[in-house]
Amino acid sequence: MEDRRERLDSRTLLKRYAAGERNFAGVIFGSSMLDGEDLREINLSGADLIGINLSGSNLSHANLTGARLLCVNLYAANLEGANLSGADLSGADCIGTNFRNADLSEAILSGTDFTGADLYAVEMDDAILIATDFRAAQNFSSPGQGSLVCKTFWADGEFFKGPDWYE
């Protein structure tokens, strides 16, 4: 079955965003460079952003619900207040990323690196944390209720072998 979702490159997305458009729900993004861009309040819910470079970008208050962010570079990006519930961030580089007040509930965080990230008031209920790295993460105390945790490094460097459900 053919995927009929809209396909975008970075130039087209940035042009439409600059013109005031914010709803890019469900798009398939075919370009790999959006580093350092200001994309506040963008709606990329259900979008495929696999392997995209978003390092240093401002995605504060973005809607990334159910987005596929596999192997995405979010190094030092700003996702404050963003909704990433149900998103798949497997293999994502989130080193030094600002996730203050973000929603990561039901997110897949397998192989995700949160080293040095700011996780103040992050919602993380029912998330999947397998081989996740929280070493040196700021303001992180624990995953949310109902989260599956396995082979994960906590912020203090302690290794949790698991698997176990976090209550």
Foldseek 3Di string as FASTA:
>chain_A
DDDPAAEDEPVVVVVVVVVPDQEREQYEYDYAEPDLAENEQHEHDNYENENHEHDNYEHDQYEHDLYEHELYEPHLYEHDNYEHDNYEHANYEQDQYEDHNYEDAQYEQHNYEDAQYECHNYAAHLYEAHCYEQACHHNDDDGHAQYFHAQYQHNPRDTDHDGDGHD
